[in-house]
Structure formats: structure tokens, C-alpha cells
PDB file of all heavy atoms in Angstrom:
ATOM      1  N   LEU A   1      85.497  95.984 117.286  1.00  0.00           N
ATOM      2  CA  LEU A   1      84.465  95.792 116.190  1.00  0.00           C
ATOM      3  C   LEU A   1      83.441  94.784 116.735  1.00  0.00           C
ATOM      4  O   LEU A   1      83.729  93.627 116.870  1.00  0.00           O
ATOM      5  CB  LEU A   1      85.163  95.269 114.917  1.00  0.00           C
ATOM      6  CG  LEU A   1      84.173  95.021 113.716  1.00  0.00           C
ATOM      7  CD1 LEU A   1      83.373  96.247 113.339  1.00  0.00           C
ATOM      8  CD2 LEU A   1      84.967  94.590 112.482  1.00  0.00           C
ATOM      9  N   PHE A   2      82.256  95.401 116.895  1.00  0.00           N
ATOM     10  CA  PHE A   2      81.108  94.501 117.479  1.00  0.00           C
ATOM     11  C   PHE A   2      80.203  94.110 116.305  1.00  0.00           C
ATOM     12  O   PHE A   2      80.337  94.852 115.233  1.00  0.00           O
ATOM     13  CB  PHE A   2      80.316  95.206 118.565  1.00  0.00           C
ATOM     14  CG  PHE A   2      80.998  95.651 119.762  1.00  0.00           C
ATOM     15  CD1 PHE A   2      81.896  96.665 119.828  1.00  0.00           C
ATOM     16  CD2 PHE A   2      80.780  94.860 120.913  1.00  0.00           C
ATOM     17  CE1 PHE A   2      82.564  97.013 120.894  1.00  0.00           C
ATOM     18  CE2 PHE A   2      81.500  95.135 121.980  1.00  0.00           C
ATOM     19  CZ  PHE A   2      82.369  96.159 122.153  1.00  0.00           C
ATOM     20  N   TRP A   3      79.424  93.130 116.468  1.00  0.00           N
ATOM     21  CA  TRP A   3      78.673  92.679 115.251  1.00  0.00           C
ATOM     22  C   TRP A   3      77.456  91.852 115.650  1.00  0.00           C
ATOM     23  O   TRP A   3      77.413  91.412 116.902  1.00  0.00           O
ATOM     24  CB  TRP A   3      79.525  91.842 114.299  1.00  0.00           C
ATOM     25  CG  TRP A   3      80.173  90.605 115.030  1.00  0.00           C
ATOM     26  CD1 TRP A   3      81.344  90.559 115.536  1.00  0.00           C
ATOM     27  CD2 TRP A   3      79.571  89.284 115.143  1.00  0.00           C
ATOM     28  NE1 TRP A   3      81.548  89.313 116.150  1.00  0.00           N
ATOM     29  CE2 TRP A   3      80.504  88.556 115.900  1.00  0.00           C
ATOM     30  CE3 TRP A   3      78.407  88.698 114.658  1.00  0.00           C
ATOM     31  CZ2 TRP A   3      80.276  87.147 116.190  1.00  0.00           C
ATOM     32  CZ3 TRP A   3      78.128  87.435 115.083  1.00  0.00           C
ATOM     33  CH2 TRP A   3      79.103  86.640 115.703  1.00  0.00           C
ATOM     34  N   GLU A   4      76.490  91.791 114.744  1.00  0.00           N
ATOM     35  CA  GLU A   4      75.417  90.853 114.805  1.00  0.00           C
ATOM     36  C   GLU A   4      75.067  90.158 113.386  1.00  0.00           C
ATOM     37  O   GLU A   4      74.935  90.943 112.450  1.00  0.00           O
ATOM     38  CB  GLU A   4      74.155  91.595 115.353  1.00  0.00           C
ATOM     39  CG  GLU A   4      74.159  91.692 117.009  1.00  0.00           C
ATOM     40  CD  GLU A   4      73.869  90.380 117.743  1.00  0.00           C
ATOM     41  OE1 GLU A   4      73.693  89.317 117.037  1.00  0.00           O
ATOM     42  OE2 GLU A   4      73.682  90.449 118.868  1.00  0.00           O
ATOM     43  N   ASN A   5      75.024  88.928 113.467  1.00  0.00           N
ATOM     44  CA  ASN A   5      74.541  88.291 112.205  1.00  0.00           C
ATOM     45  C   ASN A   5      75.407  88.439 110.932  1.00  0.00           C
ATOM     46  O   ASN A   5      74.944  88.316 109.793  1.00  0.00           O
ATOM     47  CB  ASN A   5      73.114  88.635 111.785  1.00  0.00           C
ATOM     48  CG  ASN A   5      72.152  88.285 112.840  1.00  0.00           C
ATOM     49  OD1 ASN A   5      72.109  87.142 113.374  1.00  0.00           O
ATOM     50  ND2 ASN A   5      71.237  89.191 113.167  1.00  0.00           N
ATOM     51  N   ASN A   6      76.784  88.582 111.064  1.00  0.00           N
ATOM     52  CA  ASN A   6      77.586  88.719 110.058  1.00  0.00           C
ATOM     53  C   ASN A   6      78.971  88.286 110.475  1.00  0.00           C
ATOM     54  O   ASN A   6      79.945  88.944 110.130  1.00  0.00           O
ATOM     55  CB  ASN A   6      77.609  89.997 109.272  1.00  0.00           C
ATOM     56  CG  ASN A   6      77.672  91.222 110.398  1.00  0.00           C
ATOM     57  OD1 ASN A   6      78.164  90.983 111.419  1.00  0.00           O
ATOM     58  ND2 ASN A   6      77.233  92.294 109.935  1.00  0.00           N
ATOM     59  N   GLN A   7      79.176  87.227 111.260  1.00  0.00           N
ATOM     60  CA  GLN A   7      80.507  86.827 111.911  1.00  0.00           C
ATOM     61  C   GLN A   7      81.544  86.603 110.936  1.00  0.00           C
ATOM     62  O   GLN A   7      82.645  87.136 111.054  1.00  0.00           O
ATOM     63  CB  GLN A   7      80.220  85.599 112.616  1.00  0.00           C
ATOM     64  CG  GLN A   7      81.462  85.040 113.317  1.00  0.00           C
ATOM     65  CD  GLN A   7      81.255  83.759 114.020  1.00  0.00           C
ATOM     66  OE1 GLN A   7      80.220  83.178 114.021  1.00  0.00           O
ATOM     67  NE2 GLN A   7      82.346  83.259 114.700  1.00  0.00           N
ATOM     68  N   PHE A   8      81.355  86.076 109.781  1.00  0.00           N
ATOM     69  CA  PHE A   8      82.490  85.704 108.937  1.00  0.00           C
ATOM     70  C   PHE A   8      82.831  86.936 107.997  1.00  0.00           C
ATOM     71  O   PHE A   8      84.013  87.006 107.666  1.00  0.00           O
ATOM     72  CB  PHE A   8      81.979  84.462 107.939  1.00  0.00           C
ATOM     73  CG  PHE A   8      81.859  83.307 108.793  1.00  0.00           C
ATOM     74  CD1 PHE A   8      80.590  82.689 108.979  1.00  0.00           C
ATOM     75  CD2 PHE A   8      82.879  82.559 109.440  1.00  0.00           C
ATOM     76  CE1 PHE A   8      80.448  81.564 109.701  1.00  0.00           C
ATOM     77  CE2 PHE A   8      82.782  81.407 110.187  1.00  0.00           C
ATOM     78  CZ  PHE A   8      81.499  81.033 110.380  1.00  0.00           C
ATOM     79  N   LEU A   9      81.916  87.826 107.767  1.00  0.00           N
ATOM     80  CA  LEU A   9      82.355  89.063 107.085  1.00  0.00           C
ATOM     81  C   LEU A   9      83.177  89.879 108.106  1.00  0.00           C
ATOM     82  O   LEU A   9      84.095  90.486 107.600  1.00  0.00           O
ATOM     83  CB  LEU A   9      81.133  89.893 106.875  1.00  0.00           C
ATOM     84  CG  LEU A   9      81.339  91.225 106.072  1.00  0.00           C
ATOM     85  CD1 LEU A   9      82.133  90.982 104.813  1.00  0.00           C
ATOM     86  CD2 LEU A   9      79.861  91.898 105.689  1.00  0.00           C
ATOM     87  N   VAL A  10      82.811  89.900 109.321  1.00  0.00           N
ATOM     88  CA  VAL A  10      83.628  90.665 110.270  1.00  0.00           C
ATOM     89  C   VAL A  10      84.986  90.032 110.477  1.00  0.00           C
ATOM     90  O   VAL A  10      86.037  90.772 110.459  1.00  0.00           O
ATOM     91  CB  VAL A  10      82.954  90.579 111.840  1.00  0.00           C
ATOM     92  CG1 VAL A  10      83.864  91.023 112.793  1.00  0.00           C
ATOM     93  CG2 VAL A  10      81.731  91.495 111.754  1.00  0.00           C
ATOM     94  N   THR A  11      85.115  88.672 110.437  1.00  0.00           N
ATOM     95  CA  THR A  11      86.432  88.051 110.524  1.00  0.00           C
ATOM     96  C   THR A  11      87.166  88.335 109.287  1.00  0.00           C
ATOM     97  O   THR A  11      88.385  88.667 109.500  1.00  0.00           O
ATOM     98  CB  THR A  11      86.190  86.398 110.734  1.00  0.00           C
ATOM     99  OG1 THR A  11      85.400  86.219 111.887  1.00  0.00           O
ATOM    100  CG2 THR A  11      87.491  85.784 110.789  1.00  0.00           C
ATOM    101  N   SER A  12      86.705  88.327 108.158  1.00  0.00           N
ATOM    102  CA  SER A  12      87.544  88.624 106.902  1.00  0.00           C
ATOM    103  C   SER A  12      87.869  90.140 106.978  1.00  0.00           C
ATOM    104  O   SER A  12      89.046  90.314 106.657  1.00  0.00           O
ATOM    105  CB  SER A  12      86.616  88.334 105.685  1.00  0.00           C
ATOM    106  OG  SER A  12      86.250  86.991 105.616  1.00  0.00           O
ATOM    107  N   TYR A  13      87.058  90.856 107.280  1.00  0.00           N
ATOM    108  CA  TYR A  13      87.397  92.398 107.351  1.00  0.00           C
ATOM    109  C   TYR A  13      88.400  92.694 108.392  1.00  0.00           C
ATOM    110  O   TYR A  13      89.421  93.591 108.053  1.00  0.00           O
ATOM    111  CB  TYR A  13      86.137  93.202 107.519  1.00  0.00           C
ATOM    112  CG  TYR A  13      86.586  94.742 107.267  1.00  0.00           C
ATOM    113  CD1 TYR A  13      86.979  95.242 106.024  1.00  0.00           C
ATOM    114  CD2 TYR A  13      86.433  95.771 108.251  1.00  0.00           C
ATOM    115  CE1 TYR A  13      87.261  96.526 105.726  1.00  0.00           C
ATOM    116  CE2 TYR A  13      86.777  97.017 108.157  1.00  0.00           C
ATOM    117  CZ  TYR A  13      87.159  97.448 106.847  1.00  0.00           C
ATOM    118  OH  TYR A  13      87.504  98.730 106.738  1.00  0.00           O
ATOM    119  N   ALA A  14      88.397  92.159 109.541  1.00  0.00           N
ATOM    120  CA  ALA A  14      89.376  92.422 110.488  1.00  0.00           C
ATOM    121  C   ALA A  14      90.676  91.941 110.195  1.00  0.00           C
ATOM    122  O   ALA A  14      91.723  92.473 110.610  1.00  0.00           O
ATOM    123  CB  ALA A  14      88.881  91.694 111.874  1.00  0.00           C
ATOM    124  N   GLU A  15      90.729  90.955 109.435  1.00  0.00           N
ATOM    125  CA  GLU A  15      92.106  90.344 108.892  1.00  0.00           C
ATOM    126  C   GLU A  15      93.148  90.121 110.017  1.00  0.00           C
ATOM    127  O   GLU A  15      94.219  90.570 110.020  1.00  0.00           O
ATOM    128  CB  GLU A  15      92.678  91.262 107.844  1.00  0.00           C
ATOM    129  CG  GLU A  15      93.623  90.438 106.948  1.00  0.00           C
ATOM    130  CD  GLU A  15      94.124  91.293 105.786  1.00  0.00           C
ATOM    131  OE1 GLU A  15      93.832  92.534 105.647  1.00  0.00           O
ATOM    132  OE2 GLU A  15      94.982  90.744 104.960  1.00  0.00           O
ATOM    133  N   ASN A  16      92.623  89.169 110.868  1.00  0.00           N
ATOM    134  CA  ASN A  16      93.520  88.682 111.936  1.00  0.00           C
ATOM    135  C   ASN A  16      94.262  89.771 112.643  1.00  0.00           C
ATOM    136  O   ASN A  16      95.470  89.775 112.966  1.00  0.00           O
ATOM    137  CB  ASN A  16      94.554  87.771 111.264  1.00  0.00           C
ATOM    138  CG  ASN A  16      95.275  86.824 112.325  1.00  0.00           C
ATOM    139  OD1 ASN A  16      94.571  86.480 113.355  1.00  0.00           O
ATOM    140  ND2 ASN A  16      96.454  86.506 112.177  1.00  0.00           N
ATOM    141  N   THR A  17      93.372  90.767 113.159  1.00  0.00           N
ATOM    142  CA  THR A  17      93.797  91.929 113.939  1.00  0.00           C
ATOM    143  C   THR A  17      94.505  93.098 113.176  1.00  0.00           C
ATOM    144  O   THR A  17      94.793  94.175 113.638  1.00  0.00           O
ATOM    145  CB  THR A  17      94.639  91.616 115.273  1.00  0.00           C
ATOM    146  OG1 THR A  17      96.001  91.333 114.780  1.00  0.00           O
ATOM    147  CG2 THR A  17      94.018  90.533 115.937  1.00  0.00           C
ATOM    148  N   ARG A  18      94.694  92.858 111.857  1.00  0.00           N
ATOM    149  CA  ARG A  18      95.483  93.923 111.033  1.00  0.00           C
ATOM    150  C   ARG A  18      94.696  95.175 111.053  1.00  0.00           C
ATOM    151  O   ARG A  18      95.153  96.342 111.149  1.00  0.00           O
ATOM    152  CB  ARG A  18      95.850  93.346 109.726  1.00  0.00           C
ATOM    153  CG  ARG A  18      96.816  94.298 108.939  1.00  0.00           C
ATOM    154  CD  ARG A  18      97.137  93.682 107.691  1.00  0.00           C
ATOM    155  NE  ARG A  18      96.164  93.836 106.554  1.00  0.00           N
ATOM    156  CZ  ARG A  18      95.908  95.004 105.778  1.00  0.00           C
ATOM    157  NH1 ARG A  18      96.805  95.988 106.093  1.00  0.00           N
ATOM    158  NH2 ARG A  18      95.092  95.035 105.048  1.00  0.00           N
ATOM    159  N   ARG A  19      93.322  95.072 110.739  1.00  0.00           N
ATOM    160  CA  ARG A  19      92.527  96.269 110.672  1.00  0.00           C
ATOM    161  C   ARG A  19      91.787  96.514 111.964  1.00  0.00           C
ATOM    162  O   ARG A  19      91.736  97.561 112.418  1.00  0.00           O
ATOM    163  CB  ARG A  19      91.400  96.021 109.570  1.00  0.00           C
ATOM    164  CG  ARG A  19      91.901  95.963 108.188  1.00  0.00           C
ATOM    165  CD  ARG A  19      90.846  96.132 107.056  1.00  0.00           C
ATOM    166  NE  ARG A  19      91.428  95.996 105.772  1.00  0.00           N
ATOM    167  CZ  ARG A  19      91.360  94.835 105.075  1.00  0.00           C
ATOM    168  NH1 ARG A  19      90.838  93.801 105.640  1.00  0.00           N
ATOM    169  NH2 ARG A  19      91.798  94.747 103.805  1.00  0.00           N
ATOM    170  N   PHE A  20      91.201  95.488 112.393  1.00  0.00           N
ATOM    171  CA  PHE A  20      90.391  95.614 113.754  1.00  0.00           C
ATOM    172  C   PHE A  20      90.596  94.320 114.567  1.00  0.00           C
ATOM    173  O   PHE A  20      91.172  93.447 114.277  1.00  0.00           O
ATOM    174  CB  PHE A  20      88.884  95.747 113.452  1.00  0.00           C
ATOM    175  CG  PHE A  20      88.578  97.098 112.819  1.00  0.00           C
ATOM    176  CD1 PHE A  20      88.361  97.296 111.479  1.00  0.00           C
ATOM    177  CD2 PHE A  20      88.291  98.119 113.650  1.00  0.00           C
ATOM    178  CE1 PHE A  20      88.055  98.511 110.862  1.00  0.00           C
ATOM    179  CE2 PHE A  20      87.981  99.388 113.126  1.00  0.00           C
ATOM    180  CZ  PHE A  20      87.836  99.580 111.812  1.00  0.00           C
ATOM    181  N   MET A  21      90.262  94.456 115.863  1.00  0.00           N
ATOM    182  CA  MET A  21      90.186  93.316 116.852  1.00  0.00           C
ATOM    183  C   MET A  21      88.812  92.931 117.251  1.00  0.00           C
ATOM    184  O   MET A  21      88.489  93.509 118.477  1.00  0.00           O
ATOM    185  CB  MET A  21      91.256  93.612 117.878  1.00  0.00           C
ATOM    186  CG  MET A  21      91.490  92.424 118.787  1.00  0.00           C
ATOM    187  SD  MET A  21      92.756  92.869 120.071  1.00  0.00           S
ATOM    188  CE  MET A  21      94.274  92.892 119.124  1.00  0.00           C
ATOM    189  N   PRO A  22      87.971  92.244 116.625  1.00  0.00           N
ATOM    190  CA  PRO A  22      86.707  91.830 117.128  1.00  0.00           C
ATOM    191  C   PRO A  22      86.993  90.763 118.221  1.00  0.00           C
ATOM    192  O   PRO A  22      88.112  90.391 118.485  1.00  0.00           O
ATOM    193  CB  PRO A  22      86.040  91.190 115.946  1.00  0.00           C
ATOM    194  CG  PRO A  22      87.192  90.784 115.118  1.00  0.00           C
ATOM    195  CD  PRO A  22      88.319  91.683 115.248  1.00  0.00           C
ATOM    196  N   LEU A  23      85.914  90.419 118.934  1.00  0.00           N
ATOM    197  CA  LEU A  23      85.964  89.481 120.065  1.00  0.00           C
ATOM    198  C   LEU A  23      86.699  88.222 119.757  1.00  0.00           C
ATOM    199  O   LEU A  23      87.463  87.737 120.508  1.00  0.00           O
ATOM    200  CB  LEU A  23      84.581  89.238 120.558  1.00  0.00           C
ATOM    201  CG  LEU A  23      84.399  88.159 121.705  1.00  0.00           C
ATOM    202  CD1 LEU A  23      85.347  88.561 122.928  1.00  0.00           C
ATOM    203  CD2 LEU A  23      83.009  88.062 122.229  1.00  0.00           C
ATOM    204  N   ARG A  24      86.519  87.487 118.534  1.00  0.00           N
ATOM    205  CA  ARG A  24      87.147  86.285 118.305  1.00  0.00           C
ATOM    206  C   ARG A  24      88.648  86.627 118.005  1.00  0.00           C
ATOM    207  O   ARG A  24      89.457  85.590 117.960  1.00  0.00           O
ATOM    208  CB  ARG A  24      86.489  85.648 117.139  1.00  0.00           C
ATOM    209  CG  ARG A  24      86.499  86.390 115.733  1.00  0.00           C
ATOM    210  CD  ARG A  24      87.764  86.102 114.930  1.00  0.00           C
ATOM    211  NE  ARG A  24      87.936  84.747 114.578  1.00  0.00           N
ATOM    212  CZ  ARG A  24      89.028  84.174 114.093  1.00  0.00           C
ATOM    213  NH1 ARG A  24      90.091  84.979 113.895  1.00  0.00           N
ATOM    214  NH2 ARG A  24      89.103  82.888 113.755  1.00  0.00           N
ATOM    215  N   ASP A  25      89.108  87.877 117.998  1.00  0.00           N
ATOM    216  CA  ASP A  25      90.576  88.008 117.769  1.00  0.00           C
ATOM    217  C   ASP A  25      91.305  88.577 118.938  1.00  0.00           C
ATOM    218  O   ASP A  25      92.489  88.897 118.927  1.00  0.00           O
ATOM    219  CB  ASP A  25      90.715  89.120 116.571  1.00  0.00           C
ATOM    220  CG  ASP A  25      90.573  88.424 115.244  1.00  0.00           C
ATOM    221  OD1 ASP A  25      90.600  87.266 115.157  1.00  0.00           O
ATOM    222  OD2 ASP A  25      90.300  89.102 114.287  1.00  0.00           O
TER     223      ASP A  25
END
């Protein structure tokens, strides 16, 4: 899951790798 200008929404939606694994995860 890539993103721009919505880091915390991405983090919430990914839910600690349960749904997705963005870069911070």
C-alpha cells in the first residue's frame, strides 16, 4: 500500500499488517 499526504489514514487502515503492509509496516 503506497501513499501520499495521508500517512496516518494509511496506518490506521493497514492495521498493523492485518489488512495491508505499507512501508512503515
